[in-house]
Amino acid sequence: QVQLVESGGGLVQAGGSLRLSCAASGSIFSINSMGWFRQAPGKQRELVAFITRGGTTNYADSKKGRFTIPRDDAKNTAYLQMNSLKPEDTGVYFCNAVAQGKTYWGQGTQVTVSS
């Protein structure tokens, strides 16, 4: 089992920055990848970025150049650094981990970008 706890959401003006954190606990050595997803009101959850155990990263096209997904292995924490935020980045951001064929989710954190 893997538990994920997110933090760092909030309200920010367009052009600003936020950093989200996702702290993992439990069977952390079984985690193959961690990622972030966004869910806008009335929309499906969509991938923002992920990082694999080996450090390979992947980003949604709309986030490339603005978002990064650093990781601190000593703290078992993955981050989502969001720069140059746009109103369309608004949504609930969920942390995700894949471990031993199972997918785990955090509780989500709200990010609101005002224009």
N, C-alpha and C. Protein backbone atom coordinates (compact mmCIF):
# COMPACT_ATOMS: atom_id res chain seq x y z
N GLN A 1 0.83 -1.20 0.00
CA GLN A 1 0.00 0.00 0.00
C GLN A 1 0.87 1.25 0.00
N VAL A 2 0.39 2.25 -0.72
CA VAL A 2 1.08 3.54 -0.78
C VAL A 2 0.07 4.62 -0.39
N GLN A 3 0.50 5.52 0.47
CA GLN A 3 -0.33 6.66 0.84
C GLN A 3 0.31 7.94 0.29
N LEU A 4 -0.53 8.83 -0.21
CA LEU A 4 -0.05 10.08 -0.81
C LEU A 4 -0.77 11.25 -0.15
N VAL A 5 0.00 12.25 0.22
CA VAL A 5 -0.58 13.46 0.82
C VAL A 5 -0.07 14.67 0.06
N GLU A 6 -1.00 15.42 -0.51
CA GLU A 6 -0.63 16.60 -1.30
C GLU A 6 -0.76 17.86 -0.45
N SER A 7 -0.03 18.86 -0.86
CA SER A 7 -0.14 20.17 -0.24
C SER A 7 0.37 21.21 -1.23
N GLY A 8 0.04 22.48 -0.94
CA GLY A 8 0.62 23.56 -1.73
C GLY A 8 -0.32 24.26 -2.68
N GLY A 9 -1.56 23.85 -2.77
CA GLY A 9 -2.48 24.55 -3.66
C GLY A 9 -2.86 25.91 -3.13
N GLY A 10 -3.62 26.64 -3.94
CA GLY A 10 -4.06 27.97 -3.49
C GLY A 10 -4.50 28.82 -4.65
N LEU A 11 -4.63 30.11 -4.36
CA LEU A 11 -5.05 31.10 -5.35
C LEU A 11 -3.86 31.93 -5.77
N VAL A 12 -3.68 32.09 -7.07
CA VAL A 12 -2.56 32.86 -7.59
C VAL A 12 -3.02 33.62 -8.83
N GLN A 13 -2.39 34.75 -9.07
CA GLN A 13 -2.71 35.52 -10.27
C GLN A 13 -2.02 34.92 -11.49
N ALA A 14 -2.60 35.16 -12.64
CA ALA A 14 -1.99 34.70 -13.89
C ALA A 14 -0.56 35.23 -13.99
N GLY A 15 0.33 34.37 -14.43
CA GLY A 15 1.73 34.71 -14.51
C GLY A 15 2.53 34.34 -13.28
N GLY A 16 1.84 33.98 -12.21
CA GLY A 16 2.50 33.62 -10.97
C GLY A 16 2.95 32.17 -10.94
N SER A 17 3.45 31.76 -9.77
CA SER A 17 3.99 30.42 -9.60
C SER A 17 3.42 29.77 -8.35
N LEU A 18 3.37 28.46 -8.36
CA LEU A 18 3.00 27.66 -7.20
C LEU A 18 3.82 26.38 -7.25
N ARG A 19 4.07 25.83 -6.08
CA ARG A 19 4.70 24.52 -6.01
C ARG A 19 3.84 23.59 -5.18
N LEU A 20 3.45 22.49 -5.78
CA LEU A 20 2.70 21.46 -5.08
C LEU A 20 3.65 20.38 -4.60
N SER A 21 3.30 19.79 -3.47
CA SER A 21 4.10 18.69 -2.91
C SER A 21 3.24 17.45 -2.77
N CYS A 22 3.86 16.30 -2.96
CA CYS A 22 3.20 15.02 -2.78
C CYS A 22 4.13 14.11 -1.99
N ALA A 23 3.78 13.90 -0.74
CA ALA A 23 4.60 13.05 0.13
C ALA A 23 4.06 11.64 0.12
N ALA A 24 4.91 10.70 -0.18
CA ALA A 24 4.53 9.29 -0.24
C ALA A 24 4.98 8.56 1.01
N SER A 25 4.18 7.61 1.45
CA SER A 25 4.55 6.75 2.58
C SER A 25 4.01 5.36 2.32
N GLY A 26 4.43 4.42 3.15
CA GLY A 26 4.02 3.03 2.95
C GLY A 26 5.08 2.29 2.14
N SER A 27 4.63 1.56 1.15
CA SER A 27 5.55 0.72 0.35
C SER A 27 6.22 1.55 -0.74
N ILE A 28 7.00 2.53 -0.32
CA ILE A 28 7.57 3.48 -1.28
C ILE A 28 8.57 2.82 -2.20
N PHE A 29 9.21 1.75 -1.77
CA PHE A 29 10.22 1.11 -2.61
C PHE A 29 9.59 0.39 -3.80
N SER A 30 8.28 0.22 -3.77
CA SER A 30 7.59 -0.44 -4.87
C SER A 30 7.07 0.55 -5.91
N ILE A 31 7.26 1.85 -5.67
CA ILE A 31 6.74 2.85 -6.59
C ILE A 31 7.54 2.89 -7.88
N ASN A 32 6.87 2.76 -9.00
CA ASN A 32 7.52 2.82 -10.32
C ASN A 32 7.48 4.21 -10.93
N SER A 33 6.43 4.96 -10.61
CA SER A 33 6.33 6.32 -11.14
C SER A 33 5.39 7.12 -10.25
N MET A 34 5.59 8.42 -10.29
CA MET A 34 4.69 9.36 -9.61
C MET A 34 4.33 10.45 -10.60
N GLY A 35 3.12 10.94 -10.46
CA GLY A 35 2.69 11.95 -11.41
C GLY A 35 1.66 12.88 -10.84
N TRP A 36 1.30 13.85 -11.66
CA TRP A 36 0.26 14.81 -11.30
C TRP A 36 -0.79 14.86 -12.40
N PHE A 37 -2.04 14.92 -11.96
CA PHE A 37 -3.17 15.03 -12.86
C PHE A 37 -3.99 16.25 -12.45
N ARG A 38 -4.68 16.82 -13.40
CA ARG A 38 -5.56 17.95 -13.14
C ARG A 38 -6.98 17.61 -13.55
N GLN A 39 -7.92 18.03 -12.72
CA GLN A 39 -9.32 17.86 -13.06
C GLN A 39 -10.03 19.19 -12.95
N ALA A 40 -10.49 19.69 -14.10
CA ALA A 40 -11.26 20.93 -14.12
C ALA A 40 -12.74 20.59 -13.89
N PRO A 41 -13.52 21.55 -13.45
CA PRO A 41 -14.95 21.29 -13.19
C PRO A 41 -15.65 20.72 -14.43
N GLY A 42 -16.33 19.61 -14.24
CA GLY A 42 -17.07 18.99 -15.33
C GLY A 42 -16.23 18.28 -16.36
N LYS A 43 -14.94 18.18 -16.12
CA LYS A 43 -14.04 17.55 -17.09
C LYS A 43 -13.40 16.29 -16.49
N GLN A 44 -12.85 15.49 -17.38
CA GLN A 44 -12.14 14.30 -16.92
C GLN A 44 -10.76 14.68 -16.39
N ARG A 45 -10.25 13.83 -15.55
CA ARG A 45 -8.91 14.02 -15.02
C ARG A 45 -7.90 13.82 -16.15
N GLU A 46 -6.93 14.73 -16.25
CA GLU A 46 -5.95 14.64 -17.33
C GLU A 46 -4.53 14.71 -16.78
N LEU A 47 -3.63 14.05 -17.47
CA LEU A 47 -2.24 14.00 -17.05
C LEU A 47 -1.58 15.36 -17.22
N VAL A 48 -0.84 15.76 -16.19
CA VAL A 48 -0.02 16.97 -16.26
C VAL A 48 1.44 16.60 -16.48
N ALA A 49 1.94 15.72 -15.64
CA ALA A 49 3.35 15.32 -15.73
C ALA A 49 3.57 14.07 -14.89
N PHE A 50 4.62 13.32 -15.24
CA PHE A 50 5.00 12.21 -14.37
C PHE A 50 6.51 12.03 -14.43
N ILE A 51 7.01 11.32 -13.41
CA ILE A 51 8.43 11.00 -13.33
C ILE A 51 8.55 9.54 -12.94
N THR A 52 9.43 8.82 -13.64
CA THR A 52 9.60 7.40 -13.35
C THR A 52 10.65 7.18 -12.28
N ARG A 53 10.74 5.95 -11.81
CA ARG A 53 11.74 5.60 -10.81
C ARG A 53 13.13 6.01 -11.26
N GLY A 54 13.39 5.84 -12.56
CA GLY A 54 14.72 6.15 -13.09
C GLY A 54 14.93 7.63 -13.36
N GLY A 55 13.90 8.45 -13.17
CA GLY A 55 14.06 9.88 -13.33
C GLY A 55 13.59 10.43 -14.67
N THR A 56 13.06 9.57 -15.52
CA THR A 56 12.52 10.05 -16.79
C THR A 56 11.24 10.83 -16.54
N THR A 57 11.12 11.98 -17.19
CA THR A 57 9.94 12.82 -17.00
C THR A 57 9.16 12.96 -18.31
N ASN A 58 7.90 13.24 -18.16
CA ASN A 58 7.04 13.47 -19.32
C ASN A 58 6.00 14.51 -18.93
N TYR A 59 5.69 15.40 -19.89
CA TYR A 59 4.77 16.50 -19.61
C TYR A 59 3.70 16.60 -20.68
N ALA A 60 2.51 17.04 -20.26
CA ALA A 60 1.49 17.38 -21.23
C ALA A 60 2.01 18.54 -22.08
N ASP A 61 1.65 18.54 -23.35
CA ASP A 61 2.17 19.56 -24.26
C ASP A 61 1.92 20.97 -23.75
N SER A 62 0.76 21.20 -23.16
CA SER A 62 0.40 22.55 -22.71
C SER A 62 1.20 23.00 -21.50
N LYS A 63 1.93 22.05 -20.87
CA LYS A 63 2.69 22.38 -19.66
C LYS A 63 4.20 22.46 -19.91
N LYS A 64 4.64 21.98 -21.07
CA LYS A 64 6.07 21.97 -21.35
C LYS A 64 6.64 23.38 -21.33
N GLY A 65 7.77 23.52 -20.66
CA GLY A 65 8.41 24.82 -20.55
C GLY A 65 7.91 25.66 -19.40
N ARG A 66 6.78 25.26 -18.79
CA ARG A 66 6.25 26.01 -17.66
C ARG A 66 6.25 25.20 -16.37
N PHE A 67 6.04 23.91 -16.48
CA PHE A 67 5.96 23.03 -15.30
C PHE A 67 7.15 22.09 -15.26
N THR A 68 7.59 21.78 -14.06
CA THR A 68 8.58 20.73 -13.87
C THR A 68 8.15 19.84 -12.71
N ILE A 69 8.69 18.62 -12.67
CA ILE A 69 8.31 17.65 -11.64
C ILE A 69 9.57 17.14 -10.96
N PRO A 70 10.18 17.97 -10.10
CA PRO A 70 11.36 17.50 -9.36
C PRO A 70 10.95 16.52 -8.27
N ARG A 71 11.93 15.81 -7.77
CA ARG A 71 11.68 14.78 -6.77
C ARG A 71 12.79 14.82 -5.73
N ASP A 72 12.42 14.63 -4.49
CA ASP A 72 13.40 14.54 -3.40
C ASP A 72 13.28 13.14 -2.80
N ASP A 73 14.18 12.25 -3.18
CA ASP A 73 14.08 10.87 -2.73
C ASP A 73 14.28 10.73 -1.22
N ALA A 74 15.08 11.61 -0.65
CA ALA A 74 15.32 11.55 0.79
C ALA A 74 14.05 11.84 1.58
N LYS A 75 13.17 12.64 0.99
CA LYS A 75 11.91 12.99 1.65
C LYS A 75 10.72 12.21 1.09
N ASN A 76 10.99 11.30 0.14
CA ASN A 76 9.91 10.54 -0.50
C ASN A 76 8.83 11.46 -1.03
N THR A 77 9.25 12.54 -1.63
CA THR A 77 8.32 13.57 -2.06
C THR A 77 8.57 13.96 -3.51
N ALA A 78 7.48 14.07 -4.26
CA ALA A 78 7.53 14.61 -5.61
C ALA A 78 6.84 15.97 -5.59
N TYR A 79 7.32 16.85 -6.42
CA TYR A 79 6.78 18.20 -6.47
C TYR A 79 6.26 18.50 -7.87
N LEU A 80 5.41 19.49 -7.95
CA LEU A 80 5.03 20.04 -9.24
C LEU A 80 5.27 21.55 -9.16
N GLN A 81 6.33 21.98 -9.83
CA GLN A 81 6.65 23.39 -9.88
C GLN A 81 5.94 24.00 -11.07
N MET A 82 5.05 24.92 -10.79
CA MET A 82 4.23 25.51 -11.85
C MET A 82 4.56 26.99 -11.98
N ASN A 83 5.06 27.37 -13.13
CA ASN A 83 5.42 28.76 -13.42
C ASN A 83 4.55 29.29 -14.55
N SER A 84 4.53 30.61 -14.67
CA SER A 84 3.76 31.26 -15.75
C SER A 84 2.34 30.71 -15.81
N LEU A 85 1.70 30.65 -14.66
CA LEU A 85 0.37 30.04 -14.59
C LEU A 85 -0.66 30.82 -15.39
N LYS A 86 -1.61 30.07 -15.94
CA LYS A 86 -2.68 30.63 -16.76
C LYS A 86 -4.03 30.26 -16.13
N PRO A 87 -5.05 31.04 -16.39
CA PRO A 87 -6.37 30.69 -15.84
C PRO A 87 -6.81 29.27 -16.22
N GLU A 88 -6.41 28.81 -17.39
CA GLU A 88 -6.80 27.46 -17.81
C GLU A 88 -6.05 26.36 -17.05
N ASP A 89 -5.12 26.73 -16.20
CA ASP A 89 -4.45 25.74 -15.34
C ASP A 89 -5.28 25.47 -14.08
N THR A 90 -6.34 26.21 -13.89
CA THR A 90 -7.21 26.04 -12.71
C THR A 90 -7.79 24.64 -12.66
N GLY A 91 -7.86 24.09 -11.46
CA GLY A 91 -8.46 22.78 -11.27
C GLY A 91 -8.00 22.16 -9.97
N VAL A 92 -8.47 20.96 -9.73
CA VAL A 92 -7.99 20.18 -8.60
C VAL A 92 -6.84 19.30 -9.10
N TYR A 93 -5.72 19.40 -8.44
CA TYR A 93 -4.53 18.64 -8.82
C TYR A 93 -4.39 17.43 -7.91
N PHE A 94 -4.27 16.27 -8.54
CA PHE A 94 -4.16 15.01 -7.82
C PHE A 94 -2.78 14.42 -8.04
N CYS A 95 -2.18 13.97 -6.97
CA CYS A 95 -0.94 13.21 -7.06
C CYS A 95 -1.28 11.74 -7.31
N ASN A 96 -0.42 11.07 -8.03
CA ASN A 96 -0.67 9.69 -8.45
C ASN A 96 0.62 8.90 -8.31
N ALA A 97 0.51 7.67 -7.89
CA ALA A 97 1.67 6.78 -7.85
C ALA A 97 1.26 5.42 -8.38
N VAL A 98 2.15 4.83 -9.14
CA VAL A 98 1.92 3.48 -9.65
C VAL A 98 2.93 2.56 -9.00
N ALA A 99 2.43 1.51 -8.36
CA ALA A 99 3.29 0.59 -7.64
C ALA A 99 2.73 -0.82 -7.75
N GLN A 100 3.56 -1.74 -8.23
CA GLN A 100 3.18 -3.16 -8.34
C GLN A 100 1.84 -3.33 -9.04
N GLY A 101 1.67 -2.59 -10.13
CA GLY A 101 0.47 -2.74 -10.94
C GLY A 101 -0.76 -2.04 -10.41
N LYS A 102 -0.62 -1.35 -9.28
CA LYS A 102 -1.76 -0.64 -8.70
C LYS A 102 -1.53 0.86 -8.80
N THR A 103 -2.64 1.59 -8.89
CA THR A 103 -2.58 3.04 -8.96
C THR A 103 -3.15 3.63 -7.68
N TYR A 104 -2.43 4.56 -7.12
CA TYR A 104 -2.84 5.22 -5.89
C TYR A 104 -3.02 6.71 -6.15
N TRP A 105 -3.95 7.31 -5.41
CA TRP A 105 -4.26 8.72 -5.58
C TRP A 105 -4.22 9.44 -4.25
N GLY A 106 -3.81 10.69 -4.33
CA GLY A 106 -3.94 11.57 -3.18
C GLY A 106 -5.34 12.18 -3.14
N GLN A 107 -5.56 13.03 -2.16
CA GLN A 107 -6.90 13.59 -1.95
C GLN A 107 -7.19 14.78 -2.85
N GLY A 108 -6.16 15.32 -3.47
CA GLY A 108 -6.33 16.46 -4.36
C GLY A 108 -6.13 17.79 -3.65
N THR A 109 -5.65 18.76 -4.40
CA THR A 109 -5.47 20.11 -3.87
C THR A 109 -5.91 21.12 -4.93
N GLN A 110 -6.66 22.12 -4.51
CA GLN A 110 -7.24 23.08 -5.44
C GLN A 110 -6.20 24.13 -5.84
N VAL A 111 -6.13 24.37 -7.14
CA VAL A 111 -5.32 25.46 -7.68
C VAL A 111 -6.25 26.36 -8.48
N THR A 112 -6.26 27.63 -8.13
CA THR A 112 -7.09 28.59 -8.84
C THR A 112 -6.21 29.73 -9.35
N VAL A 113 -6.26 29.96 -10.66
CA VAL A 113 -5.46 31.02 -11.28
C VAL A 113 -6.43 32.10 -11.76
N SER A 114 -6.29 33.28 -11.20
CA SER A 114 -7.17 34.38 -11.57
C SER A 114 -6.56 35.19 -12.70
N SER A 115 -7.42 35.72 -13.54
CA SER A 115 -6.94 36.50 -14.70
C SER A 115 -6.77 37.97 -14.35
